[in-house]
Amino acid sequence: MGELILCGGPLAAMPYYIEEVSLNVYSLEELSYYVEQNLYLLGPDFMQEELCDWVEKELGLSDTAEKLREIRQSGGTLSEFVLCLLLSCGYCSSDSLRKIRRTLQEMEQKSEFECGKIRADRYLEHHKYIRSIYEYRKLLEDAKEEEPALTGAVWHNLGTAYARLFLFDKAAECYGRAYERNRNRESLVQCLTAYRLGGDERGFQRKASASFVSEDEAGELCEALKSAGETKESREFGQWIAERAKGETGLQQMGDLLEEWKCEYRKNCDM
């Protein structure tokens, strides 16, 4: 899980599987750590009977399991369920518990659409691009067009997820749809940028004309993109490539770097 967690409570013979992040946890401390670090990924579906069963059968915490079931059956809130779980092992400090309760209660005051966007944004921030795309698409299926700003923000972030996977044609389409709804210039700029990065000059010109972007503004954007590719870092990297292209050792280093990039890309494509 990235760092050492001291577990003073019982360890399960069979782990509890958290599907959202493909993670197995073997103790209440590990589960508490996950909750604390991933609050915005939690939703009503976290309150599963399977979790109650695991707490009872694998951890032997019958009283805690019964309390969790009572919260579920009485229509209790996610914040009540989570706090009951966390208080059973003492992993979180009092300050952390207050922060967790406040955050979850704030989420409970938001609409289902807003909560869904926050969760999808969290996946995007953690480089879970395919999962974020899935969540954004699911939100847009039920989006209400009477909320153009919020829907536009979802389209914009969906475009960002595609762009980070180098799918610039899809990114341009999403940014364009975002701009149609939110009229946010940033969405328009990103749309034109995606067209240019994808090598779609016709799409760039068509969108610029339809959005009344002047030739001067379009030229400034193109110049900015050109400058972005001429930084000190990019020049140094080009020099590094040129030097290593001369020998077998350098070619091996380049191959290792490409393999590292491939692994990172595949990781970013994981659900």
Protein backbone atom coordinates (compact mmCIF):
# COMPACT_ATOMS: atom_id res chain seq x y z
CA MET A 1 0.00 0.00 0.00
CA GLY A 2 3.03 2.25 -0.23
CA GLU A 3 3.94 2.56 3.45
CA LEU A 4 4.20 0.50 6.63
CA ILE A 5 1.00 0.17 8.66
CA LEU A 6 1.23 -1.27 12.18
CA CYS A 7 -1.75 -3.57 12.69
CA GLY A 8 -2.65 -4.29 16.30
CA GLY A 9 -5.99 -5.88 15.51
CA PRO A 10 -6.78 -9.27 13.99
CA LEU A 11 -5.62 -10.17 10.48
CA ALA A 12 -8.02 -11.83 8.08
CA ALA A 13 -7.21 -15.16 6.48
CA MET A 14 -9.20 -13.98 3.46
CA PRO A 15 -8.82 -10.33 2.40
CA TYR A 16 -11.58 -7.86 1.65
CA TYR A 17 -11.38 -6.81 -2.00
CA ILE A 18 -11.96 -3.15 -2.85
CA GLU A 19 -12.97 -3.21 -6.48
CA GLU A 20 -12.60 0.53 -7.17
CA VAL A 21 -8.82 0.40 -6.74
CA SER A 22 -8.23 -3.37 -7.17
CA LEU A 23 -6.93 -3.65 -3.62
CA ASN A 24 -6.96 -6.44 -1.01
CA VAL A 25 -6.94 -5.45 2.67
CA TYR A 26 -6.31 -7.86 5.52
CA SER A 27 -7.05 -5.75 8.57
CA LEU A 28 -9.23 -2.95 9.86
CA GLU A 29 -6.14 -0.74 10.03
CA GLU A 30 -5.48 -1.23 6.31
CA LEU A 31 -9.12 -0.54 5.54
CA SER A 32 -9.01 2.60 7.70
CA TYR A 33 -5.93 3.79 5.84
CA TYR A 34 -7.71 3.29 2.53
CA VAL A 35 -10.76 5.21 3.75
CA GLU A 36 -8.67 8.10 5.05
CA GLN A 37 -6.70 8.40 1.81
CA ASN A 38 -9.65 7.92 -0.57
CA LEU A 39 -12.61 9.67 1.01
CA TYR A 40 -13.86 11.08 -2.28
CA LEU A 41 -14.04 7.61 -3.81
CA LEU A 42 -16.51 6.42 -1.20
CA GLY A 43 -20.17 6.22 -2.07
CA PRO A 44 -23.32 4.53 -0.77
CA ASP A 45 -22.15 1.27 -2.33
CA PHE A 46 -19.35 1.17 0.26
CA MET A 47 -21.97 0.14 2.82
CA GLN A 48 -22.18 -3.43 1.58
CA GLU A 49 -23.40 -6.48 3.47
CA GLU A 50 -20.26 -8.23 2.22
CA LEU A 51 -18.16 -5.78 4.23
CA CYS A 52 -20.22 -6.44 7.35
CA ASP A 53 -19.79 -10.18 6.83
CA TRP A 54 -16.03 -9.78 6.41
CA VAL A 55 -15.72 -7.73 9.60
CA GLU A 56 -17.69 -10.40 11.48
CA LYS A 57 -16.31 -13.62 10.02
CA GLU A 58 -12.74 -12.75 9.11
CA LEU A 59 -11.91 -10.24 11.84
CA GLY A 60 -14.13 -11.69 14.53
CA LEU A 61 -15.67 -8.28 15.36
CA SER A 62 -19.28 -9.33 15.79
CA ASP A 63 -20.36 -6.23 17.72
CA THR A 64 -18.94 -3.90 15.07
CA ALA A 65 -20.54 -5.91 12.28
CA GLU A 66 -23.91 -5.73 14.03
CA LYS A 67 -23.65 -1.95 14.46
CA LEU A 68 -22.78 -1.58 10.77
CA ARG A 69 -25.79 -3.66 9.79
CA GLU A 70 -28.07 -1.56 11.99
CA ILE A 71 -26.86 1.60 10.25
CA ARG A 72 -27.53 0.03 6.83
CA GLN A 73 -30.95 -1.31 7.72
CA SER A 74 -32.12 1.90 9.38
CA GLY A 75 -31.19 4.01 6.34
CA GLY A 76 -28.18 5.56 8.03
CA THR A 77 -25.70 7.78 6.24
CA LEU A 78 -22.32 6.94 4.79
CA SER A 79 -20.63 9.16 7.38
CA GLU A 80 -22.26 7.19 10.22
CA PHE A 81 -21.24 3.88 8.67
CA VAL A 82 -17.63 4.97 8.08
CA LEU A 83 -17.21 6.50 11.53
CA CYS A 84 -18.53 3.32 13.16
CA LEU A 85 -15.97 1.33 11.20
CA LEU A 86 -13.05 3.64 11.99
CA LEU A 87 -13.84 3.89 15.70
CA SER A 88 -13.56 0.12 15.98
CA CYS A 89 -9.78 0.01 15.58
CA GLY A 90 -8.39 3.36 16.77
CA TYR A 91 -6.18 3.81 13.69
CA CYS A 92 -7.28 7.40 13.01
CA SER A 93 -6.60 10.29 15.38
CA SER A 94 -9.41 12.43 16.77
CA ASP A 95 -8.50 15.22 14.35
CA SER A 96 -8.59 12.81 11.41
CA LEU A 97 -11.96 11.46 12.48
CA ARG A 98 -13.42 14.97 12.67
CA LYS A 99 -12.05 15.81 9.22
CA ILE A 100 -13.41 12.57 7.76
CA ARG A 101 -16.85 13.14 9.27
CA ARG A 102 -16.96 16.75 8.05
CA THR A 103 -15.87 15.79 4.52
CA LEU A 104 -18.40 12.96 4.23
CA GLN A 105 -21.21 15.11 5.60
CA GLU A 106 -20.37 17.80 3.06
CA MET A 107 -20.51 15.17 0.32
CA GLU A 108 -23.91 14.06 1.58
CA GLN A 109 -25.23 17.57 0.97
CA LYS A 110 -24.23 17.48 -2.68
CA SER A 111 -26.24 16.00 -5.52
CA GLU A 112 -25.44 12.53 -6.82
CA PHE A 113 -24.11 14.14 -10.01
CA GLU A 114 -21.74 16.43 -8.07
CA CYS A 115 -20.47 13.54 -5.94
CA GLY A 116 -19.93 11.46 -9.07
CA LYS A 117 -17.89 14.24 -10.64
CA ILE A 118 -15.73 14.59 -7.52
CA ARG A 119 -15.01 10.86 -7.56
CA ALA A 120 -14.19 10.92 -11.29
CA ASP A 121 -11.93 13.94 -10.75
CA ARG A 122 -10.10 12.01 -8.04
CA TYR A 123 -9.44 9.15 -10.46
CA LEU A 124 -8.10 11.70 -12.95
CA GLU A 125 -5.80 13.23 -10.33
CA HIS A 126 -4.45 9.77 -9.48
CA HIS A 127 -3.71 8.99 -13.17
CA LYS A 128 -6.48 6.40 -13.38
CA TYR A 129 -7.42 7.77 -16.78
CA ILE A 130 -9.48 4.86 -18.11
CA ARG A 131 -11.45 4.66 -14.88
CA SER A 132 -12.03 8.43 -14.91
CA ILE A 133 -13.23 8.23 -18.53
CA TYR A 134 -15.66 5.49 -17.57
CA GLU A 135 -16.99 7.54 -14.64
CA TYR A 136 -17.32 10.77 -16.68
CA ARG A 137 -19.13 8.93 -19.48
CA LYS A 138 -21.50 7.37 -16.97
CA LEU A 139 -22.25 10.81 -15.52
CA LEU A 140 -22.94 12.30 -18.93
CA GLU A 141 -25.50 9.61 -19.69
CA ASP A 142 -27.69 11.09 -16.95
CA ALA A 143 -26.56 14.71 -17.21
CA LYS A 144 -29.18 17.44 -17.04
CA GLU A 145 -28.61 20.04 -19.71
CA GLU A 146 -30.19 22.66 -17.45
CA GLU A 147 -26.86 22.57 -15.57
CA PRO A 148 -24.59 23.59 -18.47
CA ALA A 149 -21.69 24.81 -16.32
CA LEU A 150 -21.42 21.56 -14.37
CA THR A 151 -21.96 19.41 -17.45
CA GLY A 152 -19.39 21.50 -19.29
CA ALA A 153 -16.88 20.91 -16.51
CA VAL A 154 -17.41 17.14 -16.88
CA TRP A 155 -16.86 17.32 -20.65
CA HIS A 156 -13.72 19.42 -20.08
CA ASN A 157 -12.19 16.96 -17.61
CA LEU A 158 -13.13 14.06 -19.88
CA GLY A 159 -11.14 15.80 -22.59
CA THR A 160 -8.19 16.08 -20.22
CA ALA A 161 -8.31 12.34 -19.51
CA TYR A 162 -8.24 11.58 -23.24
CA ALA A 163 -5.45 14.10 -23.84
CA ARG A 164 -3.25 12.49 -21.19
CA LEU A 165 -3.62 9.22 -23.08
CA PHE A 166 -2.59 11.06 -26.28
CA LEU A 167 -6.05 10.52 -27.79
CA PHE A 168 -6.15 14.07 -29.10
CA ASP A 169 -9.03 13.61 -31.53
CA LYS A 170 -11.34 12.48 -28.72
CA ALA A 171 -9.94 15.18 -26.44
CA ALA A 172 -10.70 17.91 -29.00
CA GLU A 173 -14.29 16.68 -29.36
CA CYS A 174 -14.81 16.70 -25.58
CA TYR A 175 -13.27 20.14 -25.09
CA GLY A 176 -15.47 21.40 -27.91
CA ARG A 177 -18.58 20.04 -26.22
CA ALA A 178 -17.44 21.61 -22.97
CA TYR A 179 -17.11 25.01 -24.62
CA GLU A 180 -20.59 24.72 -26.13
CA ARG A 181 -21.97 24.44 -22.60
CA ASN A 182 -19.74 26.50 -20.33
CA ARG A 183 -18.43 29.13 -22.79
CA ASN A 184 -15.19 28.92 -20.83
CA ARG A 185 -12.28 30.15 -22.92
CA GLU A 186 -9.97 27.60 -21.32
CA SER A 187 -12.09 24.82 -22.86
CA LEU A 188 -11.81 26.49 -26.27
CA VAL A 189 -8.05 26.89 -25.96
CA GLN A 190 -7.63 23.26 -24.96
CA CYS A 191 -9.87 22.19 -27.84
CA LEU A 192 -7.75 24.04 -30.38
CA THR A 193 -4.57 22.76 -28.71
CA ALA A 194 -5.80 19.16 -28.98
CA TYR A 195 -6.56 19.63 -32.69
CA ARG A 196 -3.06 20.98 -33.27
CA LEU A 197 -1.33 18.28 -31.20
CA GLY A 198 -3.31 15.64 -33.08
CA GLY A 199 -2.17 17.09 -36.40
CA ASP A 200 -5.74 17.95 -37.45
CA GLU A 201 -5.17 21.32 -39.10
CA ARG A 202 -8.58 21.27 -40.77
CA GLY A 203 -10.29 20.67 -37.44
CA PHE A 204 -8.24 23.47 -35.89
CA GLN A 205 -9.24 25.98 -38.56
CA ARG A 206 -12.88 24.87 -38.54
CA LYS A 207 -13.20 25.24 -34.77
CA ALA A 208 -11.32 28.53 -34.69
CA SER A 209 -13.60 29.96 -37.39
CA ALA A 210 -16.80 28.68 -35.78
CA SER A 211 -15.75 30.16 -32.43
CA PHE A 212 -14.81 33.54 -33.95
CA VAL A 213 -11.15 33.21 -33.04
CA SER A 214 -9.20 35.85 -34.91
CA GLU A 215 -6.15 35.03 -37.00
CA ASP A 216 -3.97 36.88 -34.49
CA GLU A 217 -5.34 34.83 -31.60
CA ALA A 218 -4.90 31.58 -33.52
CA GLY A 219 -1.36 32.61 -34.38
CA GLU A 220 -0.60 33.37 -30.74
CA LEU A 221 -1.84 29.93 -29.74
CA CYS A 222 0.29 28.22 -32.36
CA GLU A 223 3.31 30.23 -31.26
CA ALA A 224 2.68 29.27 -27.64
CA LEU A 225 2.58 25.59 -28.61
CA LYS A 226 5.80 25.97 -30.55
CA SER A 227 7.47 27.65 -27.58
CA ALA A 228 6.29 24.87 -25.29
CA GLY A 229 8.26 22.42 -27.38
CA GLU A 230 11.40 24.56 -27.30
CA THR A 231 12.08 24.68 -23.57
CA LYS A 232 15.49 24.16 -22.01
CA GLU A 233 14.37 20.72 -20.85
CA SER A 234 13.26 19.66 -24.34
CA ARG A 235 16.53 20.87 -25.88
CA GLU A 236 18.55 19.00 -23.26
CA PHE A 237 16.51 15.86 -23.88
CA GLY A 238 17.06 16.19 -27.65
CA GLN A 239 20.78 16.46 -27.02
CA TRP A 240 20.65 13.40 -24.75
CA ILE A 241 18.92 11.42 -27.52
CA ALA A 242 21.44 12.56 -30.13
CA GLU A 243 24.41 11.53 -27.98
CA ARG A 244 23.01 8.08 -27.23
CA ALA A 245 22.07 7.35 -30.81
CA LYS A 246 25.78 6.91 -31.62
CA GLY A 247 26.53 3.70 -29.76
CA GLU A 248 25.09 0.41 -28.59
CA THR A 249 25.18 1.42 -24.92
CA GLY A 250 23.27 4.59 -25.68
CA LEU A 251 20.74 2.72 -27.77
CA GLN A 252 20.19 0.33 -24.87
CA GLN A 253 19.58 3.29 -22.55
CA MET A 254 17.06 4.70 -25.01
CA GLY A 255 15.36 1.31 -25.20
CA ASP A 256 15.17 1.14 -21.41
CA LEU A 257 13.62 4.60 -21.32
CA LEU A 258 11.02 3.66 -23.94
CA GLU A 259 10.15 0.53 -21.98
CA GLU A 260 9.74 2.65 -18.84
CA TRP A 261 7.38 4.98 -20.72
CA LYS A 262 5.41 2.00 -22.02
CA CYS A 263 5.00 0.61 -18.52
CA GLU A 264 3.84 4.00 -17.25
CA TYR A 265 1.33 4.31 -20.08
CA ARG A 266 -0.05 0.82 -19.44
CA LYS A 267 -0.36 1.68 -15.75
CA ASN A 268 -2.28 4.82 -16.64
CA CYS A 269 -4.65 2.68 -18.71
CA ASP A 270 -5.48 0.36 -15.82
CA MET A 271 -9.00 0.50 -14.40
